[in-house]
Amino acid sequence: MKACHRCGRDWDQDEPPGYNNTCEGCGMPLHSCANCESYRPSGARRCIDPQGQEIRDANASNACGTFQFRNTDGSGERAASAEAGERVREFLRPEAQDSENTPTWDQLFG
């Protein structure tokens, strides 16, 4: 299964994403190092492909010719993180501060 590295939304196309494709769930670029099979988040060389580009921003769109959209395990860890971020953003919205429906700390992080 191929999915966005940030929110976990599935990529249901047969072809890999192009340079300008963004995730329909969170808007992040899909043709990025963070979505590539060769990307490793730590280490001296975060791209293990010898032909790969130097990584400056793993989340930014790139034009790397060796990009291979990675398979995910479907764990939803990133999706859970994005969901938590959305709850915090909702909590911080000015109109939410005056609402009777403002979530409590436990609702946000419980």
PDB file of N, CA and C in Angstrom:
ATOM      1  N   MET A   1       0.840  -1.166   0.000  1.00  0.00           N
ATOM      2  CA  MET A   1       0.000   0.000   0.000  1.00  0.00           C
ATOM      3  C   MET A   1       0.895   1.243   0.000  1.00  0.00           C
ATOM      4  N   LYS A   2       0.548   2.200  -0.805  1.00  0.00           N
ATOM      5  CA  LYS A   2       1.299   3.447  -0.870  1.00  0.00           C
ATOM      6  C   LYS A   2       0.436   4.548  -0.285  1.00  0.00           C
ATOM      7  N   ALA A   3       1.052   5.375   0.561  1.00  0.00           N
ATOM      8  CA  ALA A   3       0.288   6.411   1.256  1.00  0.00           C
ATOM      9  C   ALA A   3       1.175   7.605   1.577  1.00  0.00           C
ATOM     10  N   CYS A   4       0.551   8.723   1.863  1.00  0.00           N
ATOM     11  CA  CYS A   4       1.245   9.943   2.257  1.00  0.00           C
ATOM     12  C   CYS A   4       2.038   9.705   3.535  1.00  0.00           C
ATOM     13  N   HIS A   5       3.272  10.189   3.562  1.00  0.00           N
ATOM     14  CA  HIS A   5       4.123  10.014   4.739  1.00  0.00           C
ATOM     15  C   HIS A   5       3.609  10.796   5.937  1.00  0.00           C
ATOM     16  N   ARG A   6       2.829  11.845   5.696  1.00  0.00           N
ATOM     17  CA  ARG A   6       2.393  12.700   6.798  1.00  0.00           C
ATOM     18  C   ARG A   6       1.067  12.256   7.403  1.00  0.00           C
ATOM     19  N   CYS A   7       0.050  12.099   6.566  1.00  0.00           N
ATOM     20  CA  CYS A   7      -1.282  11.816   7.110  1.00  0.00           C
ATOM     21  C   CYS A   7      -1.745  10.385   6.893  1.00  0.00           C
ATOM     22  N   GLY A   8      -1.050   9.642   6.045  1.00  0.00           N
ATOM     23  CA  GLY A   8      -1.409   8.249   5.832  1.00  0.00           C
ATOM     24  C   GLY A   8      -2.484   8.017   4.784  1.00  0.00           C
ATOM     25  N   ARG A   9      -2.918   9.065   4.091  1.00  0.00           N
ATOM     26  CA  ARG A   9      -3.951   8.891   3.064  1.00  0.00           C
ATOM     27  C   ARG A   9      -3.401   8.058   1.910  1.00  0.00           C
ATOM     28  N   ASP A  10      -4.178   7.073   1.491  1.00  0.00           N
ATOM     29  CA  ASP A  10      -3.754   6.168   0.423  1.00  0.00           C
ATOM     30  C   ASP A  10      -3.585   6.880  -0.908  1.00  0.00           C
ATOM     31  N   TRP A  11      -2.587   6.429  -1.678  1.00  0.00           N
ATOM     32  CA  TRP A  11      -2.395   6.862  -3.060  1.00  0.00           C
ATOM     33  C   TRP A  11      -2.953   5.734  -3.906  1.00  0.00           C
ATOM     34  N   ASP A  12      -4.084   5.969  -4.568  1.00  0.00           N
ATOM     35  CA  ASP A  12      -4.773   4.900  -5.281  1.00  0.00           C
ATOM     36  C   ASP A  12      -4.519   4.892  -6.787  1.00  0.00           C
ATOM     37  N   GLN A  13      -3.552   5.650  -7.244  1.00  0.00           N
ATOM     38  CA  GLN A  13      -3.212   5.704  -8.667  1.00  0.00           C
ATOM     39  C   GLN A  13      -2.227   4.585  -9.005  1.00  0.00           C
ATOM     40  N   ASP A  14      -2.246   4.144 -10.259  1.00  0.00           N
ATOM     41  CA  ASP A  14      -1.303   3.118 -10.707  1.00  0.00           C
ATOM     42  C   ASP A  14       0.105   3.679 -10.877  1.00  0.00           C
ATOM     43  N   GLU A  15       0.190   4.916 -11.330  1.00  0.00           N
ATOM     44  CA  GLU A  15       1.478   5.570 -11.551  1.00  0.00           C
ATOM     45  C   GLU A  15       1.941   6.266 -10.274  1.00  0.00           C
ATOM     46  N   PRO A  16       3.253   6.401 -10.069  1.00  0.00           N
ATOM     47  CA  PRO A  16       3.734   7.158  -8.906  1.00  0.00           C
ATOM     48  C   PRO A  16       3.375   8.629  -9.063  1.00  0.00           C
ATOM     49  N   PRO A  17       3.351   9.378  -7.972  1.00  0.00           N
ATOM     50  CA  PRO A  17       2.999  10.800  -8.064  1.00  0.00           C
ATOM     51  C   PRO A  17       4.024  11.584  -8.867  1.00  0.00           C
ATOM     52  N   GLY A  18       3.534  12.601  -9.559  1.00  0.00           N
ATOM     53  CA  GLY A  18       4.407  13.488 -10.312  1.00  0.00           C
ATOM     54  C   GLY A  18       4.992  14.552  -9.404  1.00  0.00           C
ATOM     55  N   TYR A  19       5.831  15.377  -9.974  1.00  0.00           N
ATOM     56  CA  TYR A  19       6.531  16.402  -9.208  1.00  0.00           C
ATOM     57  C   TYR A  19       5.589  17.377  -8.509  1.00  0.00           C
ATOM     58  N   ASN A  20       4.428  17.611  -9.091  1.00  0.00           N
ATOM     59  CA  ASN A  20       3.515  18.614  -8.535  1.00  0.00           C
ATOM     60  C   ASN A  20       2.324  18.022  -7.797  1.00  0.00           C
ATOM     61  N   ASN A  21       2.257  16.704  -7.653  1.00  0.00           N
ATOM     62  CA  ASN A  21       1.126  16.096  -6.942  1.00  0.00           C
ATOM     63  C   ASN A  21       1.233  16.345  -5.449  1.00  0.00           C
ATOM     64  N   THR A  22       0.096  16.706  -4.850  1.00  0.00           N
ATOM     65  CA  THR A  22       0.042  16.881  -3.400  1.00  0.00           C
ATOM     66  C   THR A  22      -1.013  15.947  -2.835  1.00  0.00           C
ATOM     67  N   CYS A  23      -0.899  15.647  -1.563  1.00  0.00           N
ATOM     68  CA  CYS A  23      -1.833  14.770  -0.879  1.00  0.00           C
ATOM     69  C   CYS A  23      -3.192  15.454  -0.778  1.00  0.00           C
ATOM     70  N   GLU A  24      -4.249  14.721  -1.104  1.00  0.00           N
ATOM     71  CA  GLU A  24      -5.598  15.276  -0.995  1.00  0.00           C
ATOM     72  C   GLU A  24      -6.033  15.410   0.463  1.00  0.00           C
ATOM     73  N   GLY A  25      -5.340  14.712   1.363  1.00  0.00           N
ATOM     74  CA  GLY A  25      -5.696  14.773   2.776  1.00  0.00           C
ATOM     75  C   GLY A  25      -5.070  15.930   3.522  1.00  0.00           C
ATOM     76  N   CYS A  26      -3.781  16.187   3.279  1.00  0.00           N
ATOM     77  CA  CYS A  26      -3.090  17.207   4.068  1.00  0.00           C
ATOM     78  C   CYS A  26      -2.370  18.263   3.228  1.00  0.00           C
ATOM     79  N   GLY A  27      -2.304  18.074   1.906  1.00  0.00           N
ATOM     80  CA  GLY A  27      -1.689  19.065   1.036  1.00  0.00           C
ATOM     81  C   GLY A  27      -0.179  18.969   0.904  1.00  0.00           C
ATOM     82  N   MET A  28       0.445  17.985   1.533  1.00  0.00           N
ATOM     83  CA  MET A  28       1.895  17.852   1.436  1.00  0.00           C
ATOM     84  C   MET A  28       2.301  17.293   0.075  1.00  0.00           C
ATOM     85  N   PRO A  29       3.470  17.690  -0.438  1.00  0.00           N
ATOM     86  CA  PRO A  29       3.949  17.137  -1.707  1.00  0.00           C
ATOM     87  C   PRO A  29       4.161  15.626  -1.583  1.00  0.00           C
ATOM     88  N   LEU A  30       3.739  14.884  -2.598  1.00  0.00           N
ATOM     89  CA  LEU A  30       3.900  13.429  -2.560  1.00  0.00           C
ATOM     90  C   LEU A  30       5.217  12.979  -3.173  1.00  0.00           C
ATOM     91  N   HIS A  31       5.721  13.725  -4.159  1.00  0.00           N
ATOM     92  CA  HIS A  31       7.011  13.374  -4.767  1.00  0.00           C
ATOM     93  C   HIS A  31       8.095  14.039  -3.922  1.00  0.00           C
ATOM     94  N   SER A  32       8.342  13.462  -2.745  1.00  0.00           N
ATOM     95  CA  SER A  32       9.298  14.029  -1.788  1.00  0.00           C
ATOM     96  C   SER A  32      10.147  12.907  -1.207  1.00  0.00           C
ATOM     97  N   CYS A  33      11.274  13.270  -0.658  1.00  0.00           N
ATOM     98  CA  CYS A  33      12.170  12.285  -0.067  1.00  0.00           C
ATOM     99  C   CYS A  33      11.487  11.468   1.028  1.00  0.00           C
ATOM    100  N   ALA A  34      10.663  12.113   1.835  1.00  0.00           N
ATOM    101  CA  ALA A  34      10.009  11.429   2.945  1.00  0.00           C
ATOM    102  C   ALA A  34       9.074  10.314   2.470  1.00  0.00           C
ATOM    103  N   ASN A  35       8.646  10.355   1.207  1.00  0.00           N
ATOM    104  CA  ASN A  35       7.793   9.313   0.641  1.00  0.00           C
ATOM    105  C   ASN A  35       8.564   8.290  -0.180  1.00  0.00           C
ATOM    106  N   CYS A  36       9.873   8.395  -0.208  1.00  0.00           N
ATOM    107  CA  CYS A  36      10.695   7.559  -1.081  1.00  0.00           C
ATOM    108  C   CYS A  36      11.251   6.333  -0.351  1.00  0.00           C
ATOM    109  N   GLU A  37      11.360   5.235  -1.087  1.00  0.00           N
ATOM    110  CA  GLU A  37      11.931   3.995  -0.546  1.00  0.00           C
ATOM    111  C   GLU A  37      13.363   4.195  -0.048  1.00  0.00           C
ATOM    112  N   SER A  38      14.102   5.104  -0.653  1.00  0.00           N
ATOM    113  CA  SER A  38      15.514   5.292  -0.318  1.00  0.00           C
ATOM    114  C   SER A  38      15.756   6.227   0.852  1.00  0.00           C
ATOM    115  N   TYR A  39      14.717   6.849   1.375  1.00  0.00           N
ATOM    116  CA  TYR A  39      14.877   7.833   2.448  1.00  0.00           C
ATOM    117  C   TYR A  39      15.012   7.162   3.809  1.00  0.00           C
ATOM    118  N   ARG A  40      15.975   7.646   4.580  1.00  0.00           N
ATOM    119  CA  ARG A  40      16.151   7.240   5.973  1.00  0.00           C
ATOM    120  C   ARG A  40      16.190   8.514   6.805  1.00  0.00           C
ATOM    121  N   PRO A  41      15.376   8.618   7.852  1.00  0.00           N
ATOM    122  CA  PRO A  41      15.275   9.882   8.596  1.00  0.00           C
ATOM    123  C   PRO A  41      16.532  10.268   9.366  1.00  0.00           C
ATOM    124  N   SER A  42      17.448   9.346   9.556  1.00  0.00           N
ATOM    125  CA  SER A  42      18.671   9.696  10.291  1.00  0.00           C
ATOM    126  C   SER A  42      19.873   9.098   9.579  1.00  0.00           C
ATOM    127  N   GLY A  43      21.033   9.582   9.956  1.00  0.00           N
ATOM    128  CA  GLY A  43      22.266   9.081   9.361  1.00  0.00           C
ATOM    129  C   GLY A  43      22.978  10.173   8.588  1.00  0.00           C
ATOM    130  N   ALA A  44      24.221   9.906   8.246  1.00  0.00           N
ATOM    131  CA  ALA A  44      25.032  10.885   7.528  1.00  0.00           C
ATOM    132  C   ALA A  44      24.472  11.145   6.132  1.00  0.00           C
ATOM    133  N   ARG A  45      23.994  10.107   5.496  1.00  0.00           N
ATOM    134  CA  ARG A  45      23.384  10.238   4.166  1.00  0.00           C
ATOM    135  C   ARG A  45      21.969   9.701   4.261  1.00  0.00           C
ATOM    136  N   ARG A  46      20.999  10.595   4.271  1.00  0.00           N
ATOM    137  CA  ARG A  46      19.614  10.169   4.478  1.00  0.00           C
ATOM    138  C   ARG A  46      19.017   9.490   3.253  1.00  0.00           C
ATOM    139  N   CYS A  47      19.599   9.707   2.084  1.00  0.00           N
ATOM    140  CA  CYS A  47      19.184   8.984   0.876  1.00  0.00           C
ATOM    141  C   CYS A  47      20.202   7.878   0.643  1.00  0.00           C
ATOM    142  N   ILE A  48      19.732   6.638   0.698  1.00  0.00           N
ATOM    143  CA  ILE A  48      20.665   5.520   0.550  1.00  0.00           C
ATOM    144  C   ILE A  48      20.917   5.154  -0.905  1.00  0.00           C
ATOM    145  N   ASP A  49      20.230   5.802  -1.834  1.00  0.00           N
ATOM    146  CA  ASP A  49      20.458   5.565  -3.260  1.00  0.00           C
ATOM    147  C   ASP A  49      21.661   6.390  -3.697  1.00  0.00           C
ATOM    148  N   PRO A  50      22.704   5.757  -4.219  1.00  0.00           N
ATOM    149  CA  PRO A  50      23.902   6.512  -4.617  1.00  0.00           C
ATOM    150  C   PRO A  50      23.636   7.540  -5.715  1.00  0.00           C
ATOM    151  N   GLN A  51      22.558   7.354  -6.476  1.00  0.00           N
ATOM    152  CA  GLN A  51      22.200   8.288  -7.542  1.00  0.00           C
ATOM    153  C   GLN A  51      21.264   9.399  -7.043  1.00  0.00           C
ATOM    154  N   GLY A  52      20.789   9.284  -5.807  1.00  0.00           N
ATOM    155  CA  GLY A  52      19.806  10.227  -5.262  1.00  0.00           C
ATOM    156  C   GLY A  52      20.386  11.604  -5.004  1.00  0.00           C
ATOM    157  N   GLN A  53      19.482  12.566  -4.915  1.00  0.00           N
ATOM    158  CA  GLN A  53      19.873  13.947  -4.647  1.00  0.00           C
ATOM    159  C   GLN A  53      20.199  14.136  -3.169  1.00  0.00           C
ATOM    160  N   GLU A  54      20.952  15.205  -2.875  1.00  0.00           N
ATOM    161  CA  GLU A  54      21.184  15.596  -1.495  1.00  0.00           C
ATOM    162  C   GLU A  54      19.857  16.073  -0.907  1.00  0.00           C
ATOM    163  N   ILE A  55      19.586  15.669   0.324  1.00  0.00           N
ATOM    164  CA  ILE A  55      18.313  16.015   0.952  1.00  0.00           C
ATOM    165  C   ILE A  55      18.479  17.275   1.775  1.00  0.00           C
ATOM    166  N   ARG A  56      17.779  18.320   1.380  1.00  0.00           N
ATOM    167  CA  ARG A  56      17.769  19.549   2.167  1.00  0.00           C
ATOM    168  C   ARG A  56      16.509  19.611   3.014  1.00  0.00           C
ATOM    169  N   ASP A  57      15.373  19.322   2.401  1.00  0.00           N
ATOM    170  CA  ASP A  57      14.093  19.301   3.108  1.00  0.00           C
ATOM    171  C   ASP A  57      13.356  18.057   2.637  1.00  0.00           C
ATOM    172  N   ALA A  58      13.271  17.054   3.497  1.00  0.00           N
ATOM    173  CA  ALA A  58      12.686  15.769   3.127  1.00  0.00           C
ATOM    174  C   ALA A  58      11.206  15.872   2.797  1.00  0.00           C
ATOM    175  N   ASN A  59      10.535  16.907   3.273  1.00  0.00           N
ATOM    176  CA  ASN A  59       9.097  17.059   3.031  1.00  0.00           C
ATOM    177  C   ASN A  59       8.775  17.873   1.787  1.00  0.00           C
ATOM    178  N   ALA A  60       9.775  18.501   1.214  1.00  0.00           N
ATOM    179  CA  ALA A  60       9.554  19.359   0.040  1.00  0.00           C
ATOM    180  C   ALA A  60       9.471  18.524  -1.233  1.00  0.00           C
ATOM    181  N   SER A  61       8.719  19.026  -2.194  1.00  0.00           N
ATOM    182  CA  SER A  61       8.648  18.387  -3.497  1.00  0.00           C
ATOM    183  C   SER A  61      10.031  18.438  -4.139  1.00  0.00           C
ATOM    184  N   ASN A  62      10.376  17.399  -4.889  1.00  0.00           N
ATOM    185  CA  ASN A  62      11.660  17.400  -5.575  1.00  0.00           C
ATOM    186  C   ASN A  62      11.523  16.789  -6.957  1.00  0.00           C
ATOM    187  N   ALA A  63      12.576  16.890  -7.734  1.00  0.00           N
ATOM    188  CA  ALA A  63      12.592  16.359  -9.093  1.00  0.00           C
ATOM    189  C   ALA A  63      13.590  15.215  -9.206  1.00  0.00           C
ATOM    190  N   CYS A  64      13.789  14.476  -8.141  1.00  0.00           N
ATOM    191  CA  CYS A  64      14.748  13.381  -8.122  1.00  0.00           C
ATOM    192  C   CYS A  64      14.317  12.285  -9.106  1.00  0.00           C
ATOM    193  N   GLY A  65      15.218  11.906  -9.967  1.00  0.00           N
ATOM    194  CA  GLY A  65      14.920  10.884 -10.968  1.00  0.00           C
ATOM    195  C   GLY A  65      14.905   9.468 -10.432  1.00  0.00           C
ATOM    196  N   THR A  66      15.384   9.261  -9.216  1.00  0.00           N
ATOM    197  CA  THR A  66      15.410   7.902  -8.647  1.00  0.00           C
ATOM    198  C   THR A  66      14.273   7.672  -7.645  1.00  0.00           C
ATOM    199  N   PHE A  67      13.332   8.599  -7.555  1.00  0.00           N
ATOM    200  CA  PHE A  67      12.207   8.484  -6.615  1.00  0.00           C
ATOM    201  C   PHE A  67      11.414   7.204  -6.846  1.00  0.00           C
ATOM    202  N   GLN A  68      11.199   6.449  -5.773  1.00  0.00           N
ATOM    203  CA  GLN A  68      10.346   5.262  -5.783  1.00  0.00           C
ATOM    204  C   GLN A  68       9.380   5.388  -4.619  1.00  0.00           C
ATOM    205  N   PHE A  69       8.094   5.568  -4.911  1.00  0.00           N
ATOM    206  CA  PHE A  69       7.091   5.744  -3.855  1.00  0.00           C
ATOM    207  C   PHE A  69       7.102   4.515  -2.957  1.00  0.00           C
ATOM    208  N   ARG A  70       7.347   4.727  -1.693  1.00  0.00           N
ATOM    209  CA  ARG A  70       7.523   3.606  -0.774  1.00  0.00           C
ATOM    210  C   ARG A  70       6.194   2.975  -0.361  1.00  0.00           C
ATOM    211  N   ASN A  71       6.283   1.711  -0.027  1.00  0.00           N
ATOM    212  CA  ASN A  71       5.140   0.994   0.527  1.00  0.00           C
ATOM    213  C   ASN A  71       5.115   1.249   2.020  1.00  0.00           C
ATOM    214  N   THR A  72       3.915   1.400   2.569  1.00  0.00           N
ATOM    215  CA  THR A  72       3.774   1.609   4.004  1.00  0.00           C
ATOM    216  C   THR A  72       3.146   0.383   4.632  1.00  0.00           C
ATOM    217  N   ASP A  73       3.272   0.282   5.936  1.00  0.00           N
ATOM    218  CA  ASP A  73       2.675  -0.852   6.641  1.00  0.00           C
ATOM    219  C   ASP A  73       1.244  -0.576   7.064  1.00  0.00           C
ATOM    220  N   GLY A  74       0.767   0.636   6.792  1.00  0.00           N
ATOM    221  CA  GLY A  74      -0.608   0.974   7.125  1.00  0.00           C
ATOM    222  C   GLY A  74      -0.866   1.156   8.609  1.00  0.00           C
ATOM    223  N   SER A  75       0.179   1.424   9.383  1.00  0.00           N
ATOM    224  CA  SER A  75       0.030   1.529  10.835  1.00  0.00           C
ATOM    225  C   SER A  75      -0.751   2.764  11.255  1.00  0.00           C
ATOM    226  N   GLY A  76      -0.772   3.782  10.398  1.00  0.00           N
ATOM    227  CA  GLY A  76      -1.526   4.982  10.712  1.00  0.00           C
ATOM    228  C   GLY A  76      -0.872   5.878  11.742  1.00  0.00           C
ATOM    229  N   GLU A  77       0.394   5.648  12.063  1.00  0.00           N
ATOM    230  CA  GLU A  77       1.085   6.473  13.057  1.00  0.00           C
ATOM    231  C   GLU A  77       1.104   7.926  12.639  1.00  0.00           C
ATOM    232  N   ARG A  78       1.413   8.183  11.375  1.00  0.00           N
ATOM    233  CA  ARG A  78       1.436   9.560  10.902  1.00  0.00           C
ATOM    234  C   ARG A  78       0.034  10.134  10.830  1.00  0.00           C
ATOM    235  N   ALA A  79      -0.931   9.305  10.488  1.00  0.00           N
ATOM    236  CA  ALA A  79      -2.306   9.779  10.438  1.00  0.00           C
ATOM    237  C   ALA A  79      -2.764  10.204  11.829  1.00  0.00           C
ATOM    238  N   ALA A  80      -2.391   9.439  12.846  1.00  0.00           N
ATOM    239  CA  ALA A  80      -2.762   9.785  14.222  1.00  0.00           C
ATOM    240  C   ALA A  80      -2.108  11.096  14.624  1.00  0.00           C
ATOM    241  N   SER A  81      -0.865  11.302  14.213  1.00  0.00           N
ATOM    242  CA  SER A  81      -0.160  12.538  14.524  1.00  0.00           C
ATOM    243  C   SER A  81      -0.836  13.724  13.838  1.00  0.00           C
ATOM    244  N   ALA A  82      -1.227  13.551  12.580  1.00  0.00           N
ATOM    245  CA  ALA A  82      -1.908  14.628  11.858  1.00  0.00           C
ATOM    246  C   ALA A  82      -3.257  14.929  12.496  1.00  0.00           C
ATOM    247  N   GLU A  83      -3.949  13.893  12.944  1.00  0.00           N
ATOM    248  CA  GLU A  83      -5.245  14.090  13.598  1.00  0.00           C
ATOM    249  C   GLU A  83      -5.078  14.865  14.902  1.00  0.00           C
ATOM    250  N   ALA A  84      -4.053  14.543  15.667  1.00  0.00           N
ATOM    251  CA  ALA A  84      -3.796  15.265  16.917  1.00  0.00           C
ATOM    252  C   ALA A  84      -3.467  16.728  16.622  1.00  0.00           C
ATOM    253  N   GLY A  85      -2.694  16.979  15.576  1.00  0.00           N
ATOM    254  CA  GLY A  85      -2.372  18.341  15.190  1.00  0.00           C
ATOM    255  C   GLY A  85      -3.610  19.124  14.807  1.00  0.00           C
ATOM    256  N   GLU A  86      -4.521  18.469  14.109  1.00  0.00           N
ATOM    257  CA  GLU A  86      -5.773  19.137  13.722  1.00  0.00           C
ATOM    258  C   GLU A  86      -6.609  19.481  14.949  1.00  0.00           C
ATOM    259  N   ARG A  87      -6.633  18.616  15.953  1.00  0.00           N
ATOM    260  CA  ARG A  87      -7.381  18.905  17.185  1.00  0.00           C
ATOM    261  C   ARG A  87      -6.783  20.105  17.901  1.00  0.00           C
ATOM    262  N   VAL A  88      -5.462  20.205  17.919  1.00  0.00           N
ATOM    263  CA  VAL A  88      -4.807  21.348  18.565  1.00  0.00           C
ATOM    264  C   VAL A  88      -5.112  22.628  17.803  1.00  0.00           C
ATOM    265  N   ARG A  89      -5.028  22.581  16.456  1.00  0.00           N
ATOM    266  CA  ARG A  89      -5.350  23.768  15.655  1.00  0.00           C
ATOM    267  C   ARG A  89      -6.789  24.217  15.904  1.00  0.00           C
ATOM    268  N   GLU A  90      -7.704  23.274  16.001  1.00  0.00           N
ATOM    269  CA  GLU A  90      -9.097  23.601  16.286  1.00  0.00           C
ATOM    270  C   GLU A  90      -9.219  24.274  17.646  1.00  0.00           C
ATOM    271  N   PHE A  91      -8.495  23.774  18.617  1.00  0.00           N
ATOM    272  CA  PHE A  91      -8.518  24.324  19.965  1.00  0.00           C
ATOM    273  C   PHE A  91      -7.995  25.759  19.995  1.00  0.00           C
ATOM    274  N   LEU A  92      -7.003  26.060  19.162  1.00  0.00           N
ATOM    275  CA  LEU A  92      -6.364  27.374  19.171  1.00  0.00           C
ATOM    276  C   LEU A  92      -7.078  28.412  18.315  1.00  0.00           C
ATOM    277  N   ARG A  93      -8.043  27.994  17.531  1.00  0.00           N
ATOM    278  CA  ARG A  93      -8.800  28.962  16.724  1.00  0.00           C
ATOM    279  C   ARG A  93      -9.530  29.934  17.634  1.00  0.00           C
ATOM    280  N   PRO A  94      -9.489  31.239  17.340  1.00  0.00           N
ATOM    281  CA  PRO A  94     -10.125  32.240  18.210  1.00  0.00           C
ATOM    282  C   PRO A  94     -11.608  31.976  18.446  1.00  0.00           C
ATOM    283  N   GLU A  95     -12.341  31.579  17.416  1.00  0.00           N
ATOM    284  CA  GLU A  95     -13.769  31.359  17.606  1.00  0.00           C
ATOM    285  C   GLU A  95     -14.046  30.144  18.501  1.00  0.00           C
ATOM    286  N   ALA A  96     -13.100  29.221  18.585  1.00  0.00           N
ATOM    287  CA  ALA A  96     -13.280  28.051  19.450  1.00  0.00           C
ATOM    288  C   ALA A  96     -13.113  28.438  20.925  1.00  0.00           C
ATOM    289  N   GLN A  97     -12.382  29.508  21.205  1.00  0.00           N
ATOM    290  CA  GLN A  97     -12.134  29.917  22.579  1.00  0.00           C
ATOM    291  C   GLN A  97     -13.419  30.355  23.288  1.00  0.00           C
ATOM    292  N   ASP A  98     -14.363  30.888  22.533  1.00  0.00           N
ATOM    293  CA  ASP A  98     -15.599  31.384  23.118  1.00  0.00           C
ATOM    294  C   ASP A  98     -16.719  30.351  23.079  1.00  0.00           C
ATOM    295  N   SER A  99     -16.456  29.235  22.489  1.00  0.00           N
ATOM    296  CA  SER A  99     -17.496  28.234  22.291  1.00  0.00           C
ATOM    297  C   SER A  99     -17.681  27.354  23.523  1.00  0.00           C
ATOM    298  N   GLU A 100     -18.909  26.929  23.739  1.00  0.00           N
ATOM    299  CA  GLU A 100     -19.182  25.969  24.813  1.00  0.00           C
ATOM    300  C   GLU A 100     -18.611  24.601  24.471  1.00  0.00           C
ATOM    301  N   ASN A 101     -18.288  24.393  23.198  1.00  0.00           N
ATOM    302  CA  ASN A 101     -17.777  23.104  22.741  1.00  0.00           C
ATOM    303  C   ASN A 101     -16.261  23.039  22.713  1.00  0.00           C
ATOM    304  N   THR A 102     -15.587  23.963  23.373  1.00  0.00           N
ATOM    305  CA  THR A 102     -14.130  23.939  23.417  1.00  0.00           C
ATOM    306  C   THR A 102     -13.673  22.653  24.083  1.00  0.00           C
ATOM    307  N   PRO A 103     -12.816  21.886  23.408  1.00  0.00           N
ATOM    308  CA  PRO A 103     -12.380  20.614  23.982  1.00  0.00           C
ATOM    309  C   PRO A 103     -11.495  20.817  25.220  1.00  0.00           C
ATOM    310  N   THR A 104     -11.559  19.879  26.114  1.00  0.00           N
ATOM    311  CA  THR A 104     -10.721  19.901  27.311  1.00  0.00           C
ATOM    312  C   THR A 104      -9.349  19.332  26.985  1.00  0.00           C
ATOM    313  N   TRP A 105      -8.431  19.499  27.889  1.00  0.00           N
ATOM    314  CA  TRP A 105      -7.083  18.947  27.720  1.00  0.00           C
ATOM    315  C   TRP A 105      -7.132  17.438  27.479  1.00  0.00           C
ATOM    316  N   ASP A 106      -7.951  16.730  28.255  1.00  0.00           N
ATOM    317  CA  ASP A 106      -8.055  15.274  28.116  1.00  0.00           C
ATOM    318  C   ASP A 106      -8.663  14.883  26.768  1.00  0.00           C
ATOM    319  N   GLN A 107      -9.576  15.678  26.253  1.00  0.00           N
ATOM    320  CA  GLN A 107     -10.141  15.374  24.939  1.00  0.00           C
ATOM    321  C   GLN A 107      -9.102  15.554  23.847  1.00  0.00           C
ATOM    322  N   LEU A 108      -8.229  16.529  24.020  1.00  0.00           N
ATOM    323  CA  LEU A 108      -7.191  16.761  23.035  1.00  0.00           C
ATOM    324  C   LEU A 108      -6.076  15.728  23.107  1.00  0.00           C
ATOM    325  N   PHE A 109      -5.651  15.408  24.298  1.00  0.00           N
ATOM    326  CA  PHE A 109      -4.442  14.590  24.451  1.00  0.00           C
ATOM    327  C   PHE A 109      -4.669  13.291  25.206  1.00  0.00           C
ATOM    328  N   GLY A 110      -5.906  13.002  25.569  1.00  0.00           N
ATOM    329  CA  GLY A 110      -6.217  11.827  26.352  1.00  0.00           C
ATOM    330  C   GLY A 110      -6.099  10.577  25.610  1.00  0.00           C
TER     331      GLY A 110
END
